[in-house]
Protein backbone atom coordinates (compact mmCIF):
# COMPACT_ATOMS: atom_id res chain seq x y z
CA MET A 1 0.00 0.00 0.00
CA PHE A 2 2.84 2.40 0.89
CA TYR A 3 4.58 1.77 -2.44
CA ASN A 4 1.38 2.63 -4.32
CA LEU A 5 1.59 6.20 -3.07
CA PRO A 6 2.83 8.87 -5.51
CA PRO A 7 6.52 9.81 -5.12
CA VAL A 8 6.45 13.04 -3.09
CA THR A 9 3.93 11.73 -0.56
CA ARG A 10 5.93 8.52 -0.18
CA ALA A 11 9.20 10.41 0.22
CA LEU A 12 7.74 12.76 2.84
CA ILE A 13 6.44 9.88 4.96
CA ALA A 14 9.75 8.01 4.68
CA ALA A 15 11.78 11.12 5.59
CA ASN A 16 9.60 11.94 8.59
CA VAL A 17 9.79 8.41 9.95
CA ALA A 18 13.54 8.15 9.33
CA LEU A 19 14.33 11.46 11.04
CA PHE A 20 12.10 10.63 14.00
CA PHE A 21 14.05 7.45 14.70
CA ALA A 22 17.37 9.14 13.98
CA ASP A 23 16.55 11.89 16.47
CA SER A 24 15.52 9.29 19.05
CA LEU A 25 18.79 7.37 18.59
CA LEU A 26 20.78 10.59 18.91
CA GLY A 27 19.02 11.58 22.11
CA GLY A 28 17.17 14.49 20.53
CA ALA A 29 20.29 16.10 19.10
CA LEU A 30 18.58 16.87 15.79
CA THR A 31 15.90 18.84 17.61
CA TYR A 32 18.55 21.22 18.97
CA TYR A 33 19.48 22.32 15.46
CA LEU A 34 16.52 21.54 13.20
CA ALA A 35 13.48 22.45 15.33
CA LEU A 36 11.91 25.90 14.93
CA TRP A 37 13.41 28.01 17.71
CA PRO A 38 12.22 31.55 18.44
CA PRO A 39 15.01 34.12 18.00
CA GLY A 40 17.27 34.30 21.05
CA SER A 41 15.78 31.27 22.77
CA ALA A 42 17.98 29.21 25.06
CA SER A 43 19.11 25.78 23.91
CA PRO A 44 18.78 22.78 26.24
CA VAL A 45 22.50 22.21 25.76
CA GLY A 46 23.32 25.72 26.92
CA GLY A 47 23.78 29.06 25.22
CA HIS A 48 21.44 30.66 22.74
CA LEU A 49 20.71 28.63 19.67
CA GLY A 50 18.11 31.03 18.34
CA PHE A 51 16.51 31.06 14.94
CA SER A 52 18.17 29.91 11.71
CA PRO A 53 16.53 30.15 8.26
CA TRP A 54 16.64 26.40 7.55
CA GLN A 55 14.42 25.80 10.57
CA LEU A 56 11.45 27.16 8.57
CA VAL A 57 11.47 23.80 6.78
CA THR A 58 13.45 21.34 8.90
CA TYR A 59 11.14 21.57 11.92
CA SER A 60 8.43 19.85 9.87
CA PHE A 61 10.46 16.61 9.70
CA LEU A 62 10.71 16.21 13.49
CA HIS A 63 8.06 15.01 15.95
CA ALA A 64 7.60 15.08 19.71
CA GLY A 65 6.51 11.47 20.08
CA VAL A 66 5.24 8.33 18.37
CA TRP A 67 1.59 9.40 18.41
CA HIS A 68 2.45 12.86 17.10
CA LEU A 69 4.27 11.19 14.21
CA PHE A 70 1.54 8.59 13.65
CA PHE A 71 -1.37 11.01 13.33
CA ASN A 72 0.53 13.36 11.03
CA MET A 73 1.71 10.54 8.78
CA PHE A 74 -1.73 8.94 8.78
CA ALA A 75 -3.21 12.24 7.56
CA LEU A 76 -0.46 12.58 4.95
CA PHE A 77 -1.21 9.04 3.78
CA MET A 78 -4.97 9.67 3.65
CA PHE A 79 -4.97 13.03 1.88
CA GLY A 80 -1.54 13.49 0.32
CA GLY A 81 -1.71 10.72 -2.25
CA GLU A 82 -4.99 11.84 -3.77
CA LEU A 83 -3.96 15.49 -3.88
CA GLU A 84 -0.60 14.65 -5.47
CA ARG A 85 -2.36 12.62 -8.16
CA LEU A 86 -4.68 15.58 -8.78
CA TRP A 87 -2.07 18.34 -8.82
CA GLY A 88 1.05 16.45 -9.89
CA PRO A 89 4.28 16.17 -7.88
CA SER A 90 5.49 19.74 -8.48
CA ARG A 91 2.33 21.54 -7.37
CA PHE A 92 1.85 19.16 -4.47
CA PHE A 93 5.42 19.78 -3.30
CA ASN A 94 4.97 23.55 -3.62
CA LEU A 95 1.71 23.63 -1.68
CA TYR A 96 2.97 21.36 1.09
CA PHE A 97 6.10 23.40 1.76
CA ALA A 98 4.33 26.74 1.29
CA SER A 99 2.05 25.58 4.10
CA VAL A 100 5.01 24.44 6.19
CA ILE A 101 6.76 27.80 5.82
CA THR A 102 3.70 29.99 6.46
CA ALA A 103 2.93 27.83 9.50
CA ALA A 104 6.45 28.48 10.81
CA VAL A 105 6.26 32.24 10.23
CA THR A 106 2.84 32.42 11.88
CA GLN A 107 4.10 30.48 14.88
CA LEU A 108 7.11 32.79 15.29
CA VAL A 109 4.93 35.91 15.07
CA PHE A 110 2.32 34.77 17.57
CA SER A 111 4.81 33.27 20.01
CA ASN A 112 6.61 36.62 20.05
CA LEU A 113 3.38 38.60 20.48
CA SER A 114 2.12 36.36 23.27
CA GLY A 115 5.26 36.80 25.35
CA ALA A 116 5.11 33.14 26.32
CA VAL A 117 8.18 31.18 27.38
CA PRO A 118 10.04 30.32 24.14
CA TYR A 119 9.91 26.67 23.14
CA PRO A 120 10.87 24.77 19.98
CA THR A 121 8.17 23.84 17.47
CA VAL A 122 8.29 20.50 15.66
CA GLY A 123 5.93 18.50 13.47
CA ALA A 124 4.46 18.26 9.99
CA SER A 125 1.11 19.62 11.15
CA GLY A 126 1.46 22.92 9.27
CA GLY A 127 1.84 21.05 5.99
CA ILE A 128 -0.95 18.64 6.94
CA PHE A 129 -3.39 21.45 7.68
CA GLY A 130 -2.50 22.98 4.32
CA LEU A 131 -3.37 19.69 2.64
CA LEU A 132 -6.63 19.48 4.58
CA LEU A 133 -7.67 22.89 3.32
CA GLY A 134 -6.69 21.90 -0.22
CA TYR A 135 -8.72 18.71 0.06
CA ALA A 136 -11.77 20.67 1.21
CA ARG A 137 -11.38 23.11 -1.69
CA TYR A 138 -11.12 20.43 -4.38
CA PHE A 139 -13.27 17.69 -2.83
CA PRO A 140 -15.73 19.65 -0.65
CA HIS A 141 -18.43 16.98 -0.61
CA ARG A 142 -16.22 13.96 0.02
CA THR A 143 -17.08 12.29 3.31
CA ILE A 144 -14.46 12.32 6.06
CA VAL A 145 -14.91 10.22 9.17
CA LEU A 146 -13.35 11.41 12.43
CA LEU A 147 -11.26 8.87 14.29
CA ILE A 148 -12.54 9.89 17.74
CA PRO A 149 -15.55 10.00 17.71
CA PRO A 150 -16.28 8.27 14.36
CA ILE A 151 -18.63 10.91 12.95
CA PRO A 152 -18.91 11.24 9.13
CA MET A 153 -19.15 14.72 7.62
CA PRO A 154 -18.38 16.44 4.30
CA ALA A 155 -14.81 17.64 3.87
CA TRP A 156 -15.74 21.34 3.77
CA LEU A 157 -17.52 21.08 7.13
CA PHE A 158 -14.76 18.98 8.70
CA VAL A 159 -12.06 21.49 7.76
CA THR A 160 -14.19 24.51 8.74
CA LEU A 161 -14.89 23.08 12.19
CA PHE A 162 -11.27 22.02 12.62
CA GLY A 163 -10.07 25.53 11.70
CA LEU A 164 -12.52 27.20 14.11
CA LEU A 165 -11.48 24.80 16.87
CA GLU A 166 -7.81 25.61 16.30
CA LEU A 167 -8.60 29.34 16.40
CA TYR A 168 -10.52 28.96 19.65
CA MET A 169 -7.78 26.90 21.30
CA GLY A 170 -5.09 29.28 20.10
CA VAL A 171 -6.88 32.39 21.42
CA SER A 172 -7.99 30.78 24.68
CA GLY A 173 -4.67 29.06 25.38
CA THR A 174 -6.37 25.67 25.57
CA GLN A 175 -4.14 22.61 25.12
CA ALA A 176 -0.90 24.40 25.91
CA GLY A 177 2.17 23.16 24.06
CA VAL A 178 0.32 22.72 20.77
CA ALA A 179 1.12 25.24 18.01
CA HIS A 180 -2.48 26.11 17.11
CA PHE A 181 -1.55 29.26 15.21
CA ALA A 182 0.98 27.30 13.18
CA HIS A 183 -1.87 25.03 12.07
CA LEU A 184 -3.88 28.06 11.00
CA GLY A 185 -0.80 29.45 9.27
CA GLY A 186 -0.51 26.25 7.26
CA MET A 187 -4.10 26.62 6.12
CA LEU A 188 -3.44 30.26 5.20
CA GLY A 189 -0.44 29.35 3.04
CA SER A 190 -2.48 26.69 1.26
CA TRP A 191 -5.37 29.11 0.65
CA ILE A 192 -3.07 31.80 -0.77
CA LEU A 193 -1.37 29.40 -3.19
CA ILE A 194 -4.66 27.90 -4.38
CA GLN A 195 -6.05 31.39 -4.94
CA TYR A 196 -2.96 32.13 -7.03
CA TRP A 197 -3.38 28.94 -9.06
CA ARG A 198 -7.01 29.78 -9.74
CA GLY A 199 -6.34 33.45 -10.52
CA ARG A 200 -8.69 34.63 -7.78
CA PRO A 201 -8.37 37.63 -5.42
CA PRO A 202 -5.95 38.96 -4.36
CA PHE A 203 -4.37 37.68 -7.59
CA ARG A 204 -5.24 38.38 -11.20
CA ARG A 205 -6.58 35.67 -13.44
CA HIS A 206 -3.79 34.18 -15.56
C-alpha cells in the first residue's frame, strides 16, 4: 500500500519516519538544530541557539513522540496521495512546503506577540493542515470520518470546524504546548497558493 503512493507523498512519509528514529537514537540532538526556535531562545545544551533560516522547513520533519508522528503521517497518507495525483508532484510539493513555511512564520509571530516562554516547534502539522484545506477546496463533498468519535461529515464542514477549533484553542490558550496558530498558518499558506493557481483575489486571473 505504501509503495502505491505517488513519489512526493511517499518520500515525505519516509523522511519523517527516518528522522524521527534518527533523532531518538541521537538523544534528541537533531531537535537542537533543526526544530523551529524563536530568536534568542535558550538551547537545552546551553547558550542561545536562536533562529536559523533552515528551521522554517526542517522543523516539519521532526516530531515530539510516536503518536504525534503517527497522526501526522496517517493524515499525509490519507490526503496526500490523492492530492498529489490531482495536482502532480510539483504543485503538491509547492503547496505542502508553502504551508510548512507559512505555518512556521505564523508560529514565530504569535509566540513573540504572546510573550510566552520560548519553546521549539516540531511537526508536519502545518503542511498537513494545508493539505486538509486543499482537500476541502477540491473535494468539498467527500465524506471524512473522524477517528474519535467516528462521525462522518463532508470535507468542507470537517475542515471549517477544525479551523474554528484551532482558532478557539489558540486564542484561549487551551491545550498548551500545541502550536495552534501554526496550524492556521498552514491553512493560510495553502489558501493563498490555491487562490494564485485559480487566478482569484488577491491575484489576477492568468
